[in-house]
All heavy atoms as atom14 arrays in JSON, in Angstrom:
{
  "sequence": "CYVQNTAREYAKLYAAEAEPLEGFGEVPEIIQIFLIHRPANNIPYATV",
  "atom14_mask": [
    [1, 1, 1, 1, 1, 1, 0, 0, 0, 0, 0, 0, 0, 0],
    [1, 1, 1, 1, 1, 1, 1, 1, 1, 1, 1, 1, 0, 0],
    [1, 1, 1, 1, 1, 1, 1, 0, 0, 0, 0, 0, 0, 0],
    [1, 1, 1, 1, 1, 1, 1, 1, 1, 0, 0, 0, 0, 0],
    [1, 1, 1, 1, 1, 1, 1, 1, 0, 0, 0, 0, 0, 0],
    [1, 1, 1, 1, 1, 1, 1, 0, 0, 0, 0, 0, 0, 0],
    [1, 1, 1, 1, 1, 0, 0, 0, 0, 0, 0, 0, 0, 0],
    [1, 1, 1, 1, 1, 1, 1, 1, 1, 1, 1, 0, 0, 0],
    [1, 1, 1, 1, 1, 1, 1, 1, 1, 0, 0, 0, 0, 0],
    [1, 1, 1, 1, 1, 1, 1, 1, 1, 1, 1, 1, 0, 0],
    [1, 1, 1, 1, 1, 0, 0, 0, 0, 0, 0, 0, 0, 0],
    [1, 1, 1, 1, 1, 1, 1, 1, 1, 0, 0, 0, 0, 0],
    [1, 1, 1, 1, 1, 1, 1, 1, 0, 0, 0, 0, 0, 0],
    [1, 1, 1, 1, 1, 1, 1, 1, 1, 1, 1, 1, 0, 0],
    [1, 1, 1, 1, 1, 0, 0, 0, 0, 0, 0, 0, 0, 0],
    [1, 1, 1, 1, 1, 0, 0, 0, 0, 0, 0, 0, 0, 0],
    [1, 1, 1, 1, 1, 1, 1, 1, 1, 0, 0, 0, 0, 0],
    [1, 1, 1, 1, 1, 0, 0, 0, 0, 0, 0, 0, 0, 0],
    [1, 1, 1, 1, 1, 1, 1, 1, 1, 0, 0, 0, 0, 0],
    [1, 1, 1, 1, 1, 1, 1, 0, 0, 0, 0, 0, 0, 0],
    [1, 1, 1, 1, 1, 1, 1, 1, 0, 0, 0, 0, 0, 0],
    [1, 1, 1, 1, 1, 1, 1, 1, 1, 0, 0, 0, 0, 0],
    [1, 1, 1, 1, 0, 0, 0, 0, 0, 0, 0, 0, 0, 0],
    [1, 1, 1, 1, 1, 1, 1, 1, 1, 1, 1, 0, 0, 0],
    [1, 1, 1, 1, 0, 0, 0, 0, 0, 0, 0, 0, 0, 0],
    [1, 1, 1, 1, 1, 1, 1, 1, 1, 0, 0, 0, 0, 0],
    [1, 1, 1, 1, 1, 1, 1, 0, 0, 0, 0, 0, 0, 0],
    [1, 1, 1, 1, 1, 1, 1, 0, 0, 0, 0, 0, 0, 0],
    [1, 1, 1, 1, 1, 1, 1, 1, 1, 0, 0, 0, 0, 0],
    [1, 1, 1, 1, 1, 1, 1, 1, 0, 0, 0, 0, 0, 0],
    [1, 1, 1, 1, 1, 1, 1, 1, 0, 0, 0, 0, 0, 0],
    [1, 1, 1, 1, 1, 1, 1, 1, 1, 0, 0, 0, 0, 0],
    [1, 1, 1, 1, 1, 1, 1, 1, 0, 0, 0, 0, 0, 0],
    [1, 1, 1, 1, 1, 1, 1, 1, 1, 1, 1, 0, 0, 0],
    [1, 1, 1, 1, 1, 1, 1, 1, 0, 0, 0, 0, 0, 0],
    [1, 1, 1, 1, 1, 1, 1, 1, 0, 0, 0, 0, 0, 0],
    [1, 1, 1, 1, 1, 1, 1, 1, 1, 1, 0, 0, 0, 0],
    [1, 1, 1, 1, 1, 1, 1, 1, 1, 1, 1, 0, 0, 0],
    [1, 1, 1, 1, 1, 1, 1, 0, 0, 0, 0, 0, 0, 0],
    [1, 1, 1, 1, 1, 0, 0, 0, 0, 0, 0, 0, 0, 0],
    [1, 1, 1, 1, 1, 1, 1, 1, 0, 0, 0, 0, 0, 0],
    [1, 1, 1, 1, 1, 1, 1, 1, 0, 0, 0, 0, 0, 0],
    [1, 1, 1, 1, 1, 1, 1, 1, 0, 0, 0, 0, 0, 0],
    [1, 1, 1, 1, 1, 1, 1, 0, 0, 0, 0, 0, 0, 0],
    [1, 1, 1, 1, 1, 1, 1, 1, 1, 1, 1, 1, 0, 0],
    [1, 1, 1, 1, 1, 0, 0, 0, 0, 0, 0, 0, 0, 0],
    [1, 1, 1, 1, 1, 1, 1, 0, 0, 0, 0, 0, 0, 0],
    [1, 1, 1, 1, 1, 1, 1, 0, 0, 0, 0, 0, 0, 0]
  ],
  "atom14_positions": [
    [[-5.32, -3.25, 0.87], [-4.05, -3.47, 0.17], [-3.29, -2.12, 0.1], [-2.09, -2.18, 0.37], [-4.37, -3.81, -1.24], [-3.5, -5.27, -1.82], [0.0, 0.0, 0.0], [0.0, 0.0, 0.0], [0.0, 0.0, 0.0], [0.0, 0.0, 0.0], [0.0, 0.0, 0.0], [0.0, 0.0, 0.0], [0.0, 0.0, 0.0], [0.0, 0.0, 0.0]],
    [[-4.03, -1.11, -0.2], [-3.34, 0.28, -0.21], [-2.81, 0.63, 1.08], [-1.68, 1.17, 1.15], [-4.45, 1.3, -0.76], [-3.84, 2.58, -1.1], [-2.67, 2.72, -1.74], [-4.53, 3.75, -0.68], [-2.21, 4.1, -1.93], [-4.03, 5.0, -0.91], [-2.85, 5.21, -1.51], [-2.34, 6.34, -1.85], [0.0, 0.0, 0.0], [0.0, 0.0, 0.0]],
    [[-3.66, 0.48, 2.17], [-3.16, 0.76, 3.56], [-1.9, 0.06, 3.91], [-0.88, 0.76, 4.29], [-4.26, 0.51, 4.59], [-3.74, 0.37, 5.99], [-5.45, 1.43, 4.45], [0.0, 0.0, 0.0], [0.0, 0.0, 0.0], [0.0, 0.0, 0.0], [0.0, 0.0, 0.0], [0.0, 0.0, 0.0], [0.0, 0.0, 0.0], [0.0, 0.0, 0.0]],
    [[-1.98, -1.31, 3.65], [-0.7, -2.03, 4.05], [0.53, -1.73, 3.22], [1.63, -1.52, 3.82], [-1.0, -3.51, 3.84], [0.22, -4.4, 4.37], [-0.09, -5.49, 5.29], [-1.07, -5.47, 5.98], [0.78, -6.65, 5.25], [0.0, 0.0, 0.0], [0.0, 0.0, 0.0], [0.0, 0.0, 0.0], [0.0, 0.0, 0.0], [0.0, 0.0, 0.0]],
    [[0.33, -1.49, 2.0], [1.43, -1.19, 1.14], [2.02, 0.32, 1.33], [3.22, 0.53, 1.19], [1.22, -1.42, -0.31], [1.08, -2.94, -0.49], [1.93, -3.78, 0.21], [0.28, -3.46, -1.48], [0.0, 0.0, 0.0], [0.0, 0.0, 0.0], [0.0, 0.0, 0.0], [0.0, 0.0, 0.0], [0.0, 0.0, 0.0], [0.0, 0.0, 0.0]],
    [[1.06, 1.16, 1.85], [1.56, 2.56, 2.2], [2.34, 2.37, 3.38], [3.43, 3.06, 3.46], [0.21, 3.63, 2.47], [-0.43, 3.57, 1.1], [0.7, 4.86, 2.76], [0.0, 0.0, 0.0], [0.0, 0.0, 0.0], [0.0, 0.0, 0.0], [0.0, 0.0, 0.0], [0.0, 0.0, 0.0], [0.0, 0.0, 0.0], [0.0, 0.0, 0.0]],
    [[1.83, 1.74, 4.42], [2.52, 1.61, 5.69], [3.81, 0.78, 5.45], [4.88, 1.26, 6.09], [1.75, 0.72, 6.55], [0.0, 0.0, 0.0], [0.0, 0.0, 0.0], [0.0, 0.0, 0.0], [0.0, 0.0, 0.0], [0.0, 0.0, 0.0], [0.0, 0.0, 0.0], [0.0, 0.0, 0.0], [0.0, 0.0, 0.0], [0.0, 0.0, 0.0]],
    [[3.96, 0.0, 4.49], [5.15, -0.8, 4.12], [6.21, 0.24, 3.62], [7.43, 0.05, 3.92], [4.75, -1.83, 3.08], [5.96, -2.74, 2.54], [5.43, -3.71, 1.67], [6.57, -4.13, 0.76], [7.45, -5.04, 1.05], [7.51, -5.46, 2.19], [8.35, -5.34, 0.14], [0.0, 0.0, 0.0], [0.0, 0.0, 0.0], [0.0, 0.0, 0.0]],
    [[5.83, 1.16, 2.86], [6.78, 2.11, 2.33], [7.33, 2.97, 3.42], [8.6, 3.27, 3.44], [6.12, 3.16, 1.32], [5.74, 2.4, -0.12], [6.9, 1.71, -0.75], [8.02, 2.26, -0.75], [6.78, 0.38, -0.97], [0.0, 0.0, 0.0], [0.0, 0.0, 0.0], [0.0, 0.0, 0.0], [0.0, 0.0, 0.0], [0.0, 0.0, 0.0]],
    [[6.47, 3.33, 4.42], [7.02, 4.1, 5.57], [8.02, 3.21, 6.36], [8.94, 3.69, 6.89], [5.85, 4.51, 6.55], [5.29, 5.88, 6.03], [3.93, 5.79, 5.64], [5.93, 6.98, 6.18], [3.28, 7.0, 5.19], [5.3, 8.24, 5.75], [4.07, 8.19, 5.3], [3.49, 9.32, 4.82], [0.0, 0.0, 0.0], [0.0, 0.0, 0.0]],
    [[7.65, 1.96, 6.52], [8.54, 0.97, 7.28], [9.95, 0.91, 6.58], [10.91, 0.69, 7.34], [7.92, -0.33, 7.43], [0.0, 0.0, 0.0], [0.0, 0.0, 0.0], [0.0, 0.0, 0.0], [0.0, 0.0, 0.0], [0.0, 0.0, 0.0], [0.0, 0.0, 0.0], [0.0, 0.0, 0.0], [0.0, 0.0, 0.0], [0.0, 0.0, 0.0]],
    [[9.94, 0.83, 5.23], [11.23, 0.86, 4.58], [12.1, 2.0, 4.89], [13.25, 1.98, 4.98], [11.03, 0.72, 3.09], [10.47, -0.61, 2.55], [10.48, -0.66, 1.09], [9.78, -1.68, 0.35], [9.45, -1.44, -0.98], [0.0, 0.0, 0.0], [0.0, 0.0, 0.0], [0.0, 0.0, 0.0], [0.0, 0.0, 0.0], [0.0, 0.0, 0.0]],
    [[11.43, 3.21, 4.86], [12.19, 4.47, 5.11], [12.74, 4.46, 6.56], [13.82, 4.93, 6.83], [11.17, 5.71, 4.9], [10.68, 5.9, 3.38], [9.6, 7.08, 3.37], [11.89, 6.41, 2.58], [0.0, 0.0, 0.0], [0.0, 0.0, 0.0], [0.0, 0.0, 0.0], [0.0, 0.0, 0.0], [0.0, 0.0, 0.0], [0.0, 0.0, 0.0]],
    [[11.93, 3.99, 7.44], [12.25, 3.76, 8.8], [13.5, 2.91, 8.99], [14.47, 3.3, 9.64], [11.01, 3.31, 9.58], [11.28, 2.83, 11.07], [11.66, 3.82, 12.07], [10.89, 1.58, 11.48], [11.79, 3.4, 13.4], [11.09, 1.1, 12.76], [11.47, 2.08, 13.71], [11.65, 1.7, 15.06], [0.0, 0.0, 0.0], [0.0, 0.0, 0.0]],
    [[13.39, 1.87, 8.24], [14.62, 0.9, 8.32], [15.77, 1.5, 7.74], [16.95, 1.33, 8.34], [14.22, -0.33, 7.55], [0.0, 0.0, 0.0], [0.0, 0.0, 0.0], [0.0, 0.0, 0.0], [0.0, 0.0, 0.0], [0.0, 0.0, 0.0], [0.0, 0.0, 0.0], [0.0, 0.0, 0.0], [0.0, 0.0, 0.0], [0.0, 0.0, 0.0]],
    [[15.65, 2.22, 6.81], [16.9, 2.92, 6.15], [17.6, 3.88, 7.11], [18.77, 4.11, 7.15], [16.5, 3.67, 4.79], [0.0, 0.0, 0.0], [0.0, 0.0, 0.0], [0.0, 0.0, 0.0], [0.0, 0.0, 0.0], [0.0, 0.0, 0.0], [0.0, 0.0, 0.0], [0.0, 0.0, 0.0], [0.0, 0.0, 0.0], [0.0, 0.0, 0.0]],
    [[16.65, 4.53, 7.87], [17.22, 5.52, 8.92], [17.78, 4.76, 10.17], [18.76, 5.2, 10.72], [16.11, 6.55, 9.3], [16.61, 7.87, 9.42], [15.44, 8.93, 9.62], [14.81, 9.21, 8.56], [15.17, 9.39, 10.72], [0.0, 0.0, 0.0], [0.0, 0.0, 0.0], [0.0, 0.0, 0.0], [0.0, 0.0, 0.0], [0.0, 0.0, 0.0]],
    [[17.05, 3.74, 10.58], [17.39, 3.11, 11.82], [18.5, 2.0, 11.8], [19.37, 2.03, 12.66], [16.14, 2.41, 12.37], [0.0, 0.0, 0.0], [0.0, 0.0, 0.0], [0.0, 0.0, 0.0], [0.0, 0.0, 0.0], [0.0, 0.0, 0.0], [0.0, 0.0, 0.0], [0.0, 0.0, 0.0], [0.0, 0.0, 0.0], [0.0, 0.0, 0.0]],
    [[18.56, 1.39, 10.54], [19.58, 0.17, 10.54], [20.93, 0.61, 10.69], [21.82, -0.04, 11.36], [19.34, -0.59, 9.18], [18.42, -1.69, 9.42], [18.06, -2.35, 8.05], [18.21, -1.72, 6.98], [17.39, -3.41, 8.07], [0.0, 0.0, 0.0], [0.0, 0.0, 0.0], [0.0, 0.0, 0.0], [0.0, 0.0, 0.0], [0.0, 0.0, 0.0]],
    [[21.42, 1.86, 10.1], [22.75, 2.19, 10.2], [23.2, 2.62, 11.67], [24.28, 2.71, 11.98], [23.02, 3.36, 9.25], [21.68, 3.32, 8.46], [20.69, 2.7, 9.18], [0.0, 0.0, 0.0], [0.0, 0.0, 0.0], [0.0, 0.0, 0.0], [0.0, 0.0, 0.0], [0.0, 0.0, 0.0], [0.0, 0.0, 0.0], [0.0, 0.0, 0.0]],
    [[22.2, 2.83, 12.59], [22.52, 3.37, 13.88], [23.2, 2.25, 14.72], [22.61, 1.09, 14.75], [21.32, 3.85, 14.61], [20.57, 5.05, 13.98], [19.26, 5.33, 14.72], [21.49, 6.22, 13.78], [0.0, 0.0, 0.0], [0.0, 0.0, 0.0], [0.0, 0.0, 0.0], [0.0, 0.0, 0.0], [0.0, 0.0, 0.0], [0.0, 0.0, 0.0]],
    [[24.18, 2.53, 15.33], [24.92, 1.56, 16.16], [23.95, 1.0, 17.33], [23.38, 1.78, 18.01], [26.14, 2.22, 16.74], [27.09, 1.08, 17.33], [28.31, 1.85, 18.09], [28.77, 2.99, 17.7], [28.9, 1.17, 18.96], [0.0, 0.0, 0.0], [0.0, 0.0, 0.0], [0.0, 0.0, 0.0], [0.0, 0.0, 0.0], [0.0, 0.0, 0.0]],
    [[23.9, -0.33, 17.35], [23.08, -0.87, 18.36], [21.52, -0.93, 18.13], [20.78, -1.48, 19.01], [0.0, 0.0, 0.0], [0.0, 0.0, 0.0], [0.0, 0.0, 0.0], [0.0, 0.0, 0.0], [0.0, 0.0, 0.0], [0.0, 0.0, 0.0], [0.0, 0.0, 0.0], [0.0, 0.0, 0.0], [0.0, 0.0, 0.0], [0.0, 0.0, 0.0]],
    [[21.13, -0.42, 16.97], [19.52, -0.56, 16.71], [19.24, -1.9, 16.42], [18.32, -2.5, 16.93], [19.3, 0.44, 15.56], [17.72, 0.75, 15.64], [17.33, 1.88, 16.33], [16.97, -0.14, 15.02], [15.94, 2.15, 16.34], [15.51, 0.13, 15.1], [14.99, 1.26, 15.78], [0.0, 0.0, 0.0], [0.0, 0.0, 0.0], [0.0, 0.0, 0.0]],
    [[19.91, -2.59, 15.6], [19.77, -3.94, 15.25], [18.58, -4.15, 14.27], [18.31, -3.1, 13.41], [0.0, 0.0, 0.0], [0.0, 0.0, 0.0], [0.0, 0.0, 0.0], [0.0, 0.0, 0.0], [0.0, 0.0, 0.0], [0.0, 0.0, 0.0], [0.0, 0.0, 0.0], [0.0, 0.0, 0.0], [0.0, 0.0, 0.0], [0.0, 0.0, 0.0]],
    [[17.87, -5.26, 14.32], [16.87, -5.6, 13.35], [15.74, -4.63, 13.37], [15.35, -4.15, 14.47], [16.37, -6.98, 13.63], [15.7, -7.69, 12.45], [15.05, -8.99, 12.84], [15.49, -9.57, 13.84], [14.15, -9.51, 12.02], [0.0, 0.0, 0.0], [0.0, 0.0, 0.0], [0.0, 0.0, 0.0], [0.0, 0.0, 0.0], [0.0, 0.0, 0.0]],
    [[15.08, -4.29, 12.22], [13.98, -3.35, 12.23], [12.74, -4.03, 11.72], [12.72, -4.87, 10.87], [14.3, -2.13, 11.2], [13.31, -1.16, 11.08], [15.66, -1.59, 11.5], [0.0, 0.0, 0.0], [0.0, 0.0, 0.0], [0.0, 0.0, 0.0], [0.0, 0.0, 0.0], [0.0, 0.0, 0.0], [0.0, 0.0, 0.0], [0.0, 0.0, 0.0]],
    [[11.58, -3.66, 12.28], [10.32, -4.41, 11.96], [10.06, -4.2, 10.46], [10.36, -3.06, 10.01], [9.17, -3.74, 12.82], [9.94, -3.18, 13.97], [11.31, -2.86, 13.47], [0.0, 0.0, 0.0], [0.0, 0.0, 0.0], [0.0, 0.0, 0.0], [0.0, 0.0, 0.0], [0.0, 0.0, 0.0], [0.0, 0.0, 0.0], [0.0, 0.0, 0.0]],
    [[9.44, -5.07, 9.81], [9.16, -5.07, 8.3], [7.63, -5.41, 8.2], [7.14, -6.34, 8.86], [10.02, -6.04, 7.59], [9.56, -6.28, 6.26], [10.13, -7.7, 5.69], [10.75, -8.49, 6.39], [9.83, -7.92, 4.54], [0.0, 0.0, 0.0], [0.0, 0.0, 0.0], [0.0, 0.0, 0.0], [0.0, 0.0, 0.0], [0.0, 0.0, 0.0]],
    [[6.89, -4.61, 7.37], [5.57, -4.88, 7.05], [5.54, -5.73, 5.79], [6.1, -5.18, 4.7], [4.82, -3.51, 6.89], [4.68, -2.88, 8.34], [3.39, -3.8, 6.4], [4.14, -1.48, 8.25], [0.0, 0.0, 0.0], [0.0, 0.0, 0.0], [0.0, 0.0, 0.0], [0.0, 0.0, 0.0], [0.0, 0.0, 0.0], [0.0, 0.0, 0.0]],
    [[5.0, -6.85, 5.84], [5.18, -7.7, 4.65], [4.3, -7.21, 3.41], [3.31, -6.41, 3.79], [4.8, -9.2, 4.96], [3.32, -9.36, 5.46], [5.77, -9.72, 6.03], [3.0, -10.91, 5.63], [0.0, 0.0, 0.0], [0.0, 0.0, 0.0], [0.0, 0.0, 0.0], [0.0, 0.0, 0.0], [0.0, 0.0, 0.0], [0.0, 0.0, 0.0]],
    [[4.59, -7.57, 2.33], [3.92, -7.13, 1.13], [2.55, -7.91, 1.02], [2.47, -9.09, 1.38], [4.77, -7.3, -0.12], [4.17, -6.47, -1.25], [5.46, -6.15, -2.31], [6.41, -6.75, -2.21], [5.05, -5.36, -3.24], [0.0, 0.0, 0.0], [0.0, 0.0, 0.0], [0.0, 0.0, 0.0], [0.0, 0.0, 0.0], [0.0, 0.0, 0.0]],
    [[1.59, -7.11, 0.52], [0.2, -7.78, 0.31], [-0.15, -7.54, -1.11], [0.14, -6.45, -1.68], [-0.75, -7.26, 1.29], [-2.29, -7.81, 1.09], [-0.93, -5.72, 1.19], [-3.11, -7.41, 2.27], [0.0, 0.0, 0.0], [0.0, 0.0, 0.0], [0.0, 0.0, 0.0], [0.0, 0.0, 0.0], [0.0, 0.0, 0.0], [0.0, 0.0, 0.0]],
    [[-0.53, -8.53, -1.83], [-0.76, -8.51, -3.25], [-2.24, -8.59, -3.54], [-3.0, -9.37, -2.96], [-0.1, -9.63, -4.08], [1.4, -9.6, -3.96], [2.03, -10.39, -2.94], [2.17, -8.76, -4.78], [3.44, -10.35, -2.84], [3.49, -8.8, -4.62], [4.23, -9.52, -3.62], [0.0, 0.0, 0.0], [0.0, 0.0, 0.0], [0.0, 0.0, 0.0]],
    [[-2.83, -7.77, -4.4], [-4.18, -7.8, -4.8], [-4.4, -8.69, -6.07], [-3.53, -8.51, -6.93], [-4.61, -6.48, -5.05], [-5.98, -6.25, -5.5], [-6.96, -6.37, -4.26], [-6.22, -4.8, -6.01], [0.0, 0.0, 0.0], [0.0, 0.0, 0.0], [0.0, 0.0, 0.0], [0.0, 0.0, 0.0], [0.0, 0.0, 0.0], [0.0, 0.0, 0.0]],
    [[-5.19, -9.65, -6.0], [-5.49, -10.34, -7.17], [-6.92, -10.31, -7.66], [-7.71, -10.12, -6.81], [-5.12, -12.01, -7.0], [-5.88, -12.62, -5.82], [-3.57, -12.23, -6.91], [-5.78, -14.04, -5.77], [0.0, 0.0, 0.0], [0.0, 0.0, 0.0], [0.0, 0.0, 0.0], [0.0, 0.0, 0.0], [0.0, 0.0, 0.0], [0.0, 0.0, 0.0]],
    [[-7.03, -10.21, -8.84], [-8.37, -10.05, -9.54], [-8.74, -11.24, -10.17], [-8.13, -11.86, -10.98], [-8.28, -8.78, -10.62], [-9.56, -8.53, -11.17], [-9.68, -8.12, -12.52], [-10.76, -8.43, -10.58], [-11.01, -7.78, -12.75], [-11.61, -8.02, -11.66], [0.0, 0.0, 0.0], [0.0, 0.0, 0.0], [0.0, 0.0, 0.0], [0.0, 0.0, 0.0]],
    [[-9.99, -11.75, -9.7], [-10.48, -12.99, -10.35], [-11.96, -12.72, -10.94], [-12.8, -12.85, -10.28], [-10.64, -14.11, -9.13], [-9.28, -14.13, -8.39], [-9.48, -15.11, -7.15], [-10.57, -14.4, -6.22], [-10.9, -15.0, -5.14], [-10.46, -16.17, -4.78], [-11.84, -14.46, -4.3], [0.0, 0.0, 0.0], [0.0, 0.0, 0.0], [0.0, 0.0, 0.0]],
    [[-11.87, -12.15, -12.11], [-13.28, -11.76, -12.68], [-14.32, -12.78, -12.76], [-15.46, -12.42, -12.52], [-12.79, -11.4, -14.22], [-11.38, -11.57, -14.3], [-10.8, -12.22, -13.12], [0.0, 0.0, 0.0], [0.0, 0.0, 0.0], [0.0, 0.0, 0.0], [0.0, 0.0, 0.0], [0.0, 0.0, 0.0], [0.0, 0.0, 0.0], [0.0, 0.0, 0.0]],
    [[-13.93, -14.06, -12.89], [-14.97, -15.12, -12.91], [-15.56, -15.42, -11.53], [-16.58, -16.04, -11.46], [-14.37, -16.38, -13.59], [0.0, 0.0, 0.0], [0.0, 0.0, 0.0], [0.0, 0.0, 0.0], [0.0, 0.0, 0.0], [0.0, 0.0, 0.0], [0.0, 0.0, 0.0], [0.0, 0.0, 0.0], [0.0, 0.0, 0.0], [0.0, 0.0, 0.0]],
    [[-14.96, -15.14, -10.47], [-15.32, -15.39, -9.11], [-16.36, -14.41, -8.63], [-16.37, -13.2, -8.91], [-14.09, -15.38, -8.26], [-14.25, -16.2, -6.96], [-15.09, -15.79, -6.2], [-13.55, -17.22, -6.77], [0.0, 0.0, 0.0], [0.0, 0.0, 0.0], [0.0, 0.0, 0.0], [0.0, 0.0, 0.0], [0.0, 0.0, 0.0], [0.0, 0.0, 0.0]],
    [[-17.27, -14.9, -7.76], [-18.25, -13.94, -7.1], [-17.66, -12.98, -6.14], [-18.29, -12.0, -5.88], [-19.5, -14.76, -6.58], [-19.06, -15.6, -5.46], [-17.87, -15.81, -5.2], [-20.01, -16.19, -4.85], [0.0, 0.0, 0.0], [0.0, 0.0, 0.0], [0.0, 0.0, 0.0], [0.0, 0.0, 0.0], [0.0, 0.0, 0.0], [0.0, 0.0, 0.0]],
    [[-16.46, -13.14, -5.67], [-15.66, -12.23, -4.99], [-14.53, -11.9, -5.83], [-13.53, -12.66, -5.85], [-15.24, -12.85, -3.63], [-16.46, -13.28, -2.7], [-14.43, -11.67, -2.76], [-16.16, -14.1, -1.6], [0.0, 0.0, 0.0], [0.0, 0.0, 0.0], [0.0, 0.0, 0.0], [0.0, 0.0, 0.0], [0.0, 0.0, 0.0], [0.0, 0.0, 0.0]],
    [[-14.6, -10.95, -6.63], [-13.57, -10.61, -7.68], [-12.24, -10.3, -7.3], [-11.27, -10.47, -8.02], [-14.21, -9.56, -8.56], [-15.23, -8.88, -7.71], [-15.78, -9.87, -6.77], [0.0, 0.0, 0.0], [0.0, 0.0, 0.0], [0.0, 0.0, 0.0], [0.0, 0.0, 0.0], [0.0, 0.0, 0.0], [0.0, 0.0, 0.0], [0.0, 0.0, 0.0]],
    [[-12.07, -9.62, -6.06], [-10.77, -9.26, -5.54], [-10.36, -9.94, -4.34], [-11.26, -10.29, -3.38], [-10.81, -7.7, -5.17], [-10.79, -6.89, -6.48], [-12.01, -6.23, -6.82], [-9.63, -6.63, -7.25], [-12.07, -5.48, -7.96], [-9.72, -5.82, -8.35], [-10.94, -5.36, -8.76], [-10.93, -4.51, -9.88], [0.0, 0.0, 0.0], [0.0, 0.0, 0.0]],
    [[-9.15, -10.38, -4.29], [-8.63, -11.08, -2.93], [-7.2, -10.7, -2.83], [-6.63, -10.07, -3.62], [-8.72, -12.56, -3.08], [0.0, 0.0, 0.0], [0.0, 0.0, 0.0], [0.0, 0.0, 0.0], [0.0, 0.0, 0.0], [0.0, 0.0, 0.0], [0.0, 0.0, 0.0], [0.0, 0.0, 0.0], [0.0, 0.0, 0.0], [0.0, 0.0, 0.0]],
    [[-6.69, -10.9, -1.54], [-5.43, -10.59, -1.28], [-4.55, -11.85, -0.94], [-5.07, -12.72, -0.55], [-5.23, -9.48, -0.09], [-5.77, -10.16, 1.06], [-5.93, -8.28, -0.4], [0.0, 0.0, 0.0], [0.0, 0.0, 0.0], [0.0, 0.0, 0.0], [0.0, 0.0, 0.0], [0.0, 0.0, 0.0], [0.0, 0.0, 0.0], [0.0, 0.0, 0.0]],
    [[-3.24, -11.72, -1.29], [-2.39, -12.81, -1.08], [-1.12, -12.3, -0.34], [-0.58, -11.23, -0.7], [-1.82, -13.47, -2.36], [-0.94, -14.55, -2.23], [-3.08, -13.91, -3.19], [0.0, 0.0, 0.0], [0.0, 0.0, 0.0], [0.0, 0.0, 0.0], [0.0, 0.0, 0.0], [0.0, 0.0, 0.0], [0.0, 0.0, 0.0], [0.0, 0.0, 0.0]]
  ]
}
């Protein structure tokens, strides 16, 4: 989760720099990943 969301922050900065450039067009986006805690489950953490 931490890896993907860190990479996502870099991707947002990249987009902010690239999007205004003429002819650059759409910029790749790293989708958000959420951590869910399920204390009663035998696998307490999962991602969505």
